[in-house]
């Protein structure tokens, strides 16, 4: 027997309730629509971090297949680009997850552009998160390139990721996930049970040595009950 299909109205109600519950976001100007399990977030929020949180909350809901985040960031208090840039640089400096020496920060009308080099994809992601949570930021463009200290063969990378997926308690059936590495750029294909499992698979790939990027093409297809 197949898993019960949730209606779009049920999904929309759960997303709405979750956003209202989450103290990290003011959802008063957020619009929610759902079509065939695809959630569309529209309207505005006051910070870029709220925009990120809105996506995270929507992905938590059972039955969600995709989230389209069209939220516009409209900061309550305007800040100068130089002030925003200084805060992002300072956040990178104090973040022990990131070697900020190779990162270049530019800000134009509140949009942060990150360029330069880091040694791992996890550093690239952490740098982006530091920009997300800086006051006054309206968008983040992450152009940082990953150059691992040691280049690993694609076959080794694929083997390590597959082993990580099998070990991961969050992955229901690792055999459903296809892993391909091309010059360190990893493609995840196939199907997973939920959005949480999809995020777990992407995380496992991201923290594997030698990976320079992860392209997540996994579909959310619940297993038969």
C-alpha atoms as a PDB file:
ATOM      1  CA  UNK A   1       0.000   0.000   0.000  1.00  0.00           C
ATOM      2  CA  UNK A   2       1.385   3.425  -0.972  1.00  0.00           C
ATOM      3  CA  UNK A   3       2.026   6.168   1.523  1.00  0.00           C
ATOM      4  CA  UNK A   4      -0.973   8.497   1.891  1.00  0.00           C
ATOM      5  CA  UNK A   5      -0.605  11.533  -0.364  1.00  0.00           C
ATOM      6  CA  UNK A   6      -0.937  14.831   1.470  1.00  0.00           C
ATOM      7  CA  UNK A   7      -3.041  17.547  -0.123  1.00  0.00           C
ATOM      8  CA  UNK A   8      -1.598  20.902  -1.099  1.00  0.00           C
ATOM      9  CA  UNK A   9      -3.895  22.603   1.433  1.00  0.00           C
ATOM     10  CA  UNK A  10      -2.569  20.400   4.245  1.00  0.00           C
ATOM     11  CA  UNK A  11       1.009  21.189   3.268  1.00  0.00           C
ATOM     12  CA  UNK A  12       0.283  24.930   3.018  1.00  0.00           C
ATOM     13  CA  UNK A  13      -1.364  24.968   6.436  1.00  0.00           C
ATOM     14  CA  UNK A  14       1.597  23.187   8.018  1.00  0.00           C
ATOM     15  CA  UNK A  15       4.092  25.582   6.405  1.00  0.00           C
ATOM     16  CA  UNK A  16       2.020  28.548   7.593  1.00  0.00           C
ATOM     17  CA  UNK A  17       1.824  27.180  11.141  1.00  0.00           C
ATOM     18  CA  UNK A  18       5.561  26.445  11.219  1.00  0.00           C
ATOM     19  CA  UNK A  19       6.501  29.950  10.080  1.00  0.00           C
ATOM     20  CA  UNK A  20       4.137  31.452  12.665  1.00  0.00           C
ATOM     21  CA  UNK A  21       5.689  29.246  15.379  1.00  0.00           C
ATOM     22  CA  UNK A  22       9.331  30.001  14.531  1.00  0.00           C
ATOM     23  CA  UNK A  23      10.572  32.986  16.577  1.00  0.00           C
ATOM     24  CA  UNK A  24      13.435  33.533  14.120  1.00  0.00           C
ATOM     25  CA  UNK A  25      11.108  34.945  11.466  1.00  0.00           C
ATOM     26  CA  UNK A  26       8.364  37.570  11.165  1.00  0.00           C
ATOM     27  CA  UNK A  27       5.927  35.904   8.784  1.00  0.00           C
ATOM     28  CA  UNK A  28       3.383  38.744   8.686  1.00  0.00           C
ATOM     29  CA  UNK A  29       4.255  39.606   5.064  1.00  0.00           C
ATOM     30  CA  UNK A  30       4.946  36.076   3.808  1.00  0.00           C
ATOM     31  CA  UNK A  31       2.641  34.481   1.236  1.00  0.00           C
ATOM     32  CA  UNK A  32       2.417  30.699   0.804  1.00  0.00           C
ATOM     33  CA  UNK A  33       1.060  28.709  -2.122  1.00  0.00           C
ATOM     34  CA  UNK A  34       1.430  24.996  -2.862  1.00  0.00           C
ATOM     35  CA  UNK A  35       0.865  23.179  -6.153  1.00  0.00           C
ATOM     36  CA  UNK A  36       1.578  19.440  -6.435  1.00  0.00           C
ATOM     37  CA  UNK A  37       3.801  19.561  -3.356  1.00  0.00           C
ATOM     38  CA  UNK A  38       5.870  22.520  -4.618  1.00  0.00           C
ATOM     39  CA  UNK A  39       5.880  25.335  -2.054  1.00  0.00           C
ATOM     40  CA  UNK A  40       6.156  28.917  -3.316  1.00  0.00           C
ATOM     41  CA  UNK A  41       7.134  31.539  -0.726  1.00  0.00           C
ATOM     42  CA  UNK A  42       6.371  35.131  -1.732  1.00  0.00           C
ATOM     43  CA  UNK A  43       6.207  38.534  -0.080  1.00  0.00           C
ATOM     44  CA  UNK A  44       8.912  40.094   2.080  1.00  0.00           C
ATOM     45  CA  UNK A  45      10.992  39.671   5.227  1.00  0.00           C
ATOM     46  CA  UNK A  46      13.294  42.041   7.093  1.00  0.00           C
ATOM     47  CA  UNK A  47      16.565  40.088   6.933  1.00  0.00           C
ATOM     48  CA  UNK A  48      18.276  37.630   4.628  1.00  0.00           C
ATOM     49  CA  UNK A  49      18.582  35.156   7.482  1.00  0.00           C
ATOM     50  CA  UNK A  50      14.757  35.153   7.746  1.00  0.00           C
ATOM     51  CA  UNK A  51      14.563  34.279   4.052  1.00  0.00           C
ATOM     52  CA  UNK A  52      16.880  31.325   4.649  1.00  0.00           C
ATOM     53  CA  UNK A  53      14.915  30.209   7.718  1.00  0.00           C
ATOM     54  CA  UNK A  54      11.650  30.339   5.744  1.00  0.00           C
ATOM     55  CA  UNK A  55      13.068  27.841   3.228  1.00  0.00           C
ATOM     56  CA  UNK A  56      14.368  25.589   5.998  1.00  0.00           C
ATOM     57  CA  UNK A  57      10.965  25.570   7.709  1.00  0.00           C
ATOM     58  CA  UNK A  58       9.122  24.788   4.486  1.00  0.00           C
ATOM     59  CA  UNK A  59      11.453  21.857   3.748  1.00  0.00           C
ATOM     60  CA  UNK A  60      10.604  20.351   7.155  1.00  0.00           C
ATOM     61  CA  UNK A  61       6.983  19.715   6.210  1.00  0.00           C
ATOM     62  CA  UNK A  62       5.870  16.250   5.154  1.00  0.00           C
ATOM     63  CA  UNK A  63       4.859  16.017   1.496  1.00  0.00           C
ATOM     64  CA  UNK A  64       7.024  18.913   0.273  1.00  0.00           C
ATOM     65  CA  UNK A  65       8.809  18.083  -2.985  1.00  0.00           C
ATOM     66  CA  UNK A  66      10.409  21.448  -3.707  1.00  0.00           C
ATOM     67  CA  UNK A  67      10.623  24.956  -2.255  1.00  0.00           C
ATOM     68  CA  UNK A  68      10.717  28.067  -4.444  1.00  0.00           C
ATOM     69  CA  UNK A  69      11.809  31.030  -2.325  1.00  0.00           C
ATOM     70  CA  UNK A  70      10.738  34.293  -3.977  1.00  0.00           C
ATOM     71  CA  UNK A  71      10.865  36.326  -0.763  1.00  0.00           C
ATOM     72  CA  UNK A  72      12.276  39.837  -1.074  1.00  0.00           C
ATOM     73  CA  UNK A  73      14.457  41.194   1.727  1.00  0.00           C
ATOM     74  CA  UNK A  74      13.484  44.717   2.824  1.00  0.00           C
ATOM     75  CA  UNK A  75      15.684  45.743   5.775  1.00  0.00           C
ATOM     76  CA  UNK A  76      14.007  47.917   8.407  1.00  0.00           C
ATOM     77  CA  UNK A  77      17.101  50.086   8.866  1.00  0.00           C
ATOM     78  CA  UNK A  78      19.342  50.920   5.915  1.00  0.00           C
ATOM     79  CA  UNK A  79      23.063  50.299   6.350  1.00  0.00           C
ATOM     80  CA  UNK A  80      25.934  51.411   4.161  1.00  0.00           C
ATOM     81  CA  UNK A  81      27.664  48.862   1.964  1.00  0.00           C
ATOM     82  CA  UNK A  82      30.964  49.584   3.711  1.00  0.00           C
ATOM     83  CA  UNK A  83      29.436  48.824   7.125  1.00  0.00           C
ATOM     84  CA  UNK A  84      27.951  45.560   5.832  1.00  0.00           C
ATOM     85  CA  UNK A  85      31.264  44.561   4.234  1.00  0.00           C
ATOM     86  CA  UNK A  86      33.143  45.290   7.458  1.00  0.00           C
ATOM     87  CA  UNK A  87      30.729  43.122   9.458  1.00  0.00           C
ATOM     88  CA  UNK A  88      30.955  40.219   6.987  1.00  0.00           C
ATOM     89  CA  UNK A  89      34.772  40.384   7.024  1.00  0.00           C
ATOM     90  CA  UNK A  90      34.750  40.430  10.815  1.00  0.00           C
ATOM     91  CA  UNK A  91      32.356  37.449  10.964  1.00  0.00           C
ATOM     92  CA  UNK A  92      34.626  35.474   8.624  1.00  0.00           C
ATOM     93  CA  UNK A  93      37.657  36.405  10.685  1.00  0.00           C
ATOM     94  CA  UNK A  94      36.175  35.008  13.897  1.00  0.00           C
ATOM     95  CA  UNK A  95      34.568  31.909  12.358  1.00  0.00           C
ATOM     96  CA  UNK A  96      36.837  28.938  13.178  1.00  0.00           C
ATOM     97  CA  UNK A  97      35.197  26.961  10.361  1.00  0.00           C
ATOM     98  CA  UNK A  98      36.716  29.260   7.742  1.00  0.00           C
ATOM     99  CA  UNK A  99      40.202  30.314   6.649  1.00  0.00           C
ATOM    100  CA  UNK A 100      39.211  33.831   5.589  1.00  0.00           C
ATOM    101  CA  UNK A 101      42.613  34.796   4.185  1.00  0.00           C
ATOM    102  CA  UNK A 102      41.638  33.791   0.654  1.00  0.00           C
ATOM    103  CA  UNK A 103      38.131  35.306   0.667  1.00  0.00           C
ATOM    104  CA  UNK A 104      37.243  38.634  -0.990  1.00  0.00           C
ATOM    105  CA  UNK A 105      34.078  40.474   0.105  1.00  0.00           C
ATOM    106  CA  UNK A 106      32.280  43.079  -2.007  1.00  0.00           C
ATOM    107  CA  UNK A 107      28.912  44.665  -1.226  1.00  0.00           C
ATOM    108  CA  UNK A 108      26.679  46.548  -3.664  1.00  0.00           C
ATOM    109  CA  UNK A 109      23.300  47.887  -2.542  1.00  0.00           C
ATOM    110  CA  UNK A 110      23.188  45.308   0.241  1.00  0.00           C
ATOM    111  CA  UNK A 111      24.068  42.352  -2.008  1.00  0.00           C
ATOM    112  CA  UNK A 112      27.157  40.517  -0.762  1.00  0.00           C
ATOM    113  CA  UNK A 113      29.457  38.934  -3.359  1.00  0.00           C
ATOM    114  CA  UNK A 114      31.952  36.410  -2.017  1.00  0.00           C
ATOM    115  CA  UNK A 115      34.962  35.579  -4.179  1.00  0.00           C
ATOM    116  CA  UNK A 116      38.361  33.974  -3.718  1.00  0.00           C
ATOM    117  CA  UNK A 117      39.561  30.526  -2.685  1.00  0.00           C
ATOM    118  CA  UNK A 118      38.995  28.089   0.193  1.00  0.00           C
ATOM    119  CA  UNK A 119      40.200  24.554   0.828  1.00  0.00           C
ATOM    120  CA  UNK A 120      36.860  22.779   1.186  1.00  0.00           C
ATOM    121  CA  UNK A 121      33.211  23.040   0.225  1.00  0.00           C
ATOM    122  CA  UNK A 122      32.258  23.119   3.908  1.00  0.00           C
ATOM    123  CA  UNK A 123      34.311  26.332   4.265  1.00  0.00           C
ATOM    124  CA  UNK A 124      32.503  27.801   1.270  1.00  0.00           C
ATOM    125  CA  UNK A 125      29.144  27.033   2.868  1.00  0.00           C
ATOM    126  CA  UNK A 126      30.208  28.442   6.254  1.00  0.00           C
ATOM    127  CA  UNK A 127      31.356  31.695   4.621  1.00  0.00           C
ATOM    128  CA  UNK A 128      27.974  32.037   2.947  1.00  0.00           C
ATOM    129  CA  UNK A 129      26.218  31.481   6.276  1.00  0.00           C
ATOM    130  CA  UNK A 130      28.296  34.243   7.868  1.00  0.00           C
ATOM    131  CA  UNK A 131      27.045  36.632   5.181  1.00  0.00           C
ATOM    132  CA  UNK A 132      23.432  35.461   5.623  1.00  0.00           C
ATOM    133  CA  UNK A 133      23.332  36.534   9.242  1.00  0.00           C
ATOM    134  CA  UNK A 134      24.843  39.989   8.749  1.00  0.00           C
ATOM    135  CA  UNK A 135      22.411  42.871   9.297  1.00  0.00           C
ATOM    136  CA  UNK A 136      21.451  44.803   6.162  1.00  0.00           C
ATOM    137  CA  UNK A 137      22.213  42.022   3.679  1.00  0.00           C
ATOM    138  CA  UNK A 138      19.529  41.567   0.999  1.00  0.00           C
ATOM    139  CA  UNK A 139      21.199  38.822  -1.059  1.00  0.00           C
ATOM    140  CA  UNK A 140      24.339  36.671  -1.115  1.00  0.00           C
ATOM    141  CA  UNK A 141      26.224  35.593  -4.235  1.00  0.00           C
ATOM    142  CA  UNK A 142      28.793  32.917  -3.443  1.00  0.00           C
ATOM    143  CA  UNK A 143      31.461  32.744  -6.141  1.00  0.00           C
ATOM    144  CA  UNK A 144      34.128  31.246  -3.880  1.00  0.00           C
ATOM    145  CA  UNK A 145      36.130  28.499  -5.570  1.00  0.00           C
ATOM    146  CA  UNK A 146      37.173  25.338  -3.761  1.00  0.00           C
ATOM    147  CA  UNK A 147      40.763  24.170  -4.238  1.00  0.00           C
ATOM    148  CA  UNK A 148      41.473  21.146  -1.979  1.00  0.00           C
ATOM    149  CA  UNK A 149      45.023  20.712  -0.736  1.00  0.00           C
ATOM    150  CA  UNK A 150      45.010  17.176  -2.125  1.00  0.00           C
ATOM    151  CA  UNK A 151      43.271  16.264  -5.370  1.00  0.00           C
ATOM    152  CA  UNK A 152      41.633  12.854  -5.010  1.00  0.00           C
ATOM    153  CA  UNK A 153      40.592  10.426  -7.763  1.00  0.00           C
ATOM    154  CA  UNK A 154      36.877  10.533  -8.528  1.00  0.00           C
ATOM    155  CA  UNK A 155      36.559   6.813  -7.791  1.00  0.00           C
ATOM    156  CA  UNK A 156      37.853   7.360  -4.239  1.00  0.00           C
ATOM    157  CA  UNK A 157      35.473  10.260  -3.659  1.00  0.00           C
ATOM    158  CA  UNK A 158      32.515   8.234  -4.900  1.00  0.00           C
ATOM    159  CA  UNK A 159      33.478   5.278  -2.701  1.00  0.00           C
ATOM    160  CA  UNK A 160      33.765   7.472   0.407  1.00  0.00           C
ATOM    161  CA  UNK A 161      30.413   9.151  -0.188  1.00  0.00           C
ATOM    162  CA  UNK A 162      28.617   5.845  -0.781  1.00  0.00           C
ATOM    163  CA  UNK A 163      30.107   4.477   2.446  1.00  0.00           C
ATOM    164  CA  UNK A 164      29.016   7.609   4.328  1.00  0.00           C
ATOM    165  CA  UNK A 165      25.462   7.264   3.002  1.00  0.00           C
ATOM    166  CA  UNK A 166      25.302   3.636   4.150  1.00  0.00           C
ATOM    167  CA  UNK A 167      26.543   4.561   7.646  1.00  0.00           C
ATOM    168  CA  UNK A 168      24.198   7.533   8.023  1.00  0.00           C
ATOM    169  CA  UNK A 169      21.188   6.647  10.189  1.00  0.00           C
ATOM    170  CA  UNK A 170      19.262   9.450   8.479  1.00  0.00           C
ATOM    171  CA  UNK A 171      19.422   7.679   5.097  1.00  0.00           C
ATOM    172  CA  UNK A 172      16.613   5.126   4.790  1.00  0.00           C
ATOM    173  CA  UNK A 173      17.924   3.271   1.719  1.00  0.00           C
ATOM    174  CA  UNK A 174      21.331   4.342   0.406  1.00  0.00           C
ATOM    175  CA  UNK A 175      20.967   2.080  -2.633  1.00  0.00           C
ATOM    176  CA  UNK A 176      18.430   4.547  -4.068  1.00  0.00           C
ATOM    177  CA  UNK A 177      21.097   7.268  -4.286  1.00  0.00           C
ATOM    178  CA  UNK A 178      23.454   7.410  -7.263  1.00  0.00           C
ATOM    179  CA  UNK A 179      26.814   9.144  -6.735  1.00  0.00           C
ATOM    180  CA  UNK A 180      29.009  10.443  -9.552  1.00  0.00           C
ATOM    181  CA  UNK A 181      32.135  12.569  -9.181  1.00  0.00           C
ATOM    182  CA  UNK A 182      33.573  14.499 -12.117  1.00  0.00           C
ATOM    183  CA  UNK A 183      36.883  16.212 -11.267  1.00  0.00           C
ATOM    184  CA  UNK A 184      35.656  16.546  -7.682  1.00  0.00           C
ATOM    185  CA  UNK A 185      32.222  17.909  -8.588  1.00  0.00           C
ATOM    186  CA  UNK A 186      29.695  15.449  -7.132  1.00  0.00           C
ATOM    187  CA  UNK A 187      26.294  14.711  -8.634  1.00  0.00           C
ATOM    188  CA  UNK A 188      23.642  13.080  -6.416  1.00  0.00           C
ATOM    189  CA  UNK A 189      20.838  11.443  -8.377  1.00  0.00           C
ATOM    190  CA  UNK A 190      18.034   8.997  -7.680  1.00  0.00           C
ATOM    191  CA  UNK A 191      15.412   9.259  -4.940  1.00  0.00           C
ATOM    192  CA  UNK A 192      15.081   9.683  -1.190  1.00  0.00           C
ATOM    193  CA  UNK A 193      12.236   9.381   1.305  1.00  0.00           C
ATOM    194  CA  UNK A 194      12.053  12.975   2.538  1.00  0.00           C
ATOM    195  CA  UNK A 195      13.528  16.465   2.378  1.00  0.00           C
ATOM    196  CA  UNK A 196      15.465  15.713   5.563  1.00  0.00           C
ATOM    197  CA  UNK A 197      17.048  12.647   3.942  1.00  0.00           C
ATOM    198  CA  UNK A 198      17.908  14.715   0.868  1.00  0.00           C
ATOM    199  CA  UNK A 199      19.657  17.307   3.042  1.00  0.00           C
ATOM    200  CA  UNK A 200      21.524  14.541   4.893  1.00  0.00           C
ATOM    201  CA  UNK A 201      22.824  13.048   1.642  1.00  0.00           C
ATOM    202  CA  UNK A 202      24.003  16.448   0.451  1.00  0.00           C
ATOM    203  CA  UNK A 203      25.721  17.049   3.788  1.00  0.00           C
ATOM    204  CA  UNK A 204      27.509  13.689   3.624  1.00  0.00           C
ATOM    205  CA  UNK A 205      28.834  14.583   0.171  1.00  0.00           C
ATOM    206  CA  UNK A 206      29.815  18.104   1.208  1.00  0.00           C
ATOM    207  CA  UNK A 207      31.998  16.910   4.087  1.00  0.00           C
ATOM    208  CA  UNK A 208      33.890  14.347   1.984  1.00  0.00           C
ATOM    209  CA  UNK A 209      37.548  15.186   1.305  1.00  0.00           C
ATOM    210  CA  UNK A 210      38.296  16.266  -2.250  1.00  0.00           C
ATOM    211  CA  UNK A 211      34.779  17.457  -3.096  1.00  0.00           C
ATOM    212  CA  UNK A 212      34.699  20.912  -4.698  1.00  0.00           C
ATOM    213  CA  UNK A 213      30.943  21.164  -5.359  1.00  0.00           C
ATOM    214  CA  UNK A 214      27.721  19.178  -4.880  1.00  0.00           C
ATOM    215  CA  UNK A 215      24.875  19.145  -7.400  1.00  0.00           C
ATOM    216  CA  UNK A 216      21.801  17.706  -5.688  1.00  0.00           C
ATOM    217  CA  UNK A 217      19.379  16.265  -8.254  1.00  0.00           C
ATOM    218  CA  UNK A 218      17.673  13.870  -5.823  1.00  0.00           C
ATOM    219  CA  UNK A 219      13.914  13.486  -6.123  1.00  0.00           C
ATOM    220  CA  UNK A 220      11.686  13.025  -3.086  1.00  0.00           C
ATOM    221  CA  UNK A 221       9.774   9.791  -3.667  1.00  0.00           C
ATOM    222  CA  UNK A 222       8.410   8.099  -0.508  1.00  0.00           C
ATOM    223  CA  UNK A 223       8.897   4.333  -0.291  1.00  0.00           C
ATOM    224  CA  UNK A 224       5.879   2.038  -0.209  1.00  0.00           C
ATOM    225  CA  UNK A 225       4.573   1.457   3.323  1.00  0.00           C
END
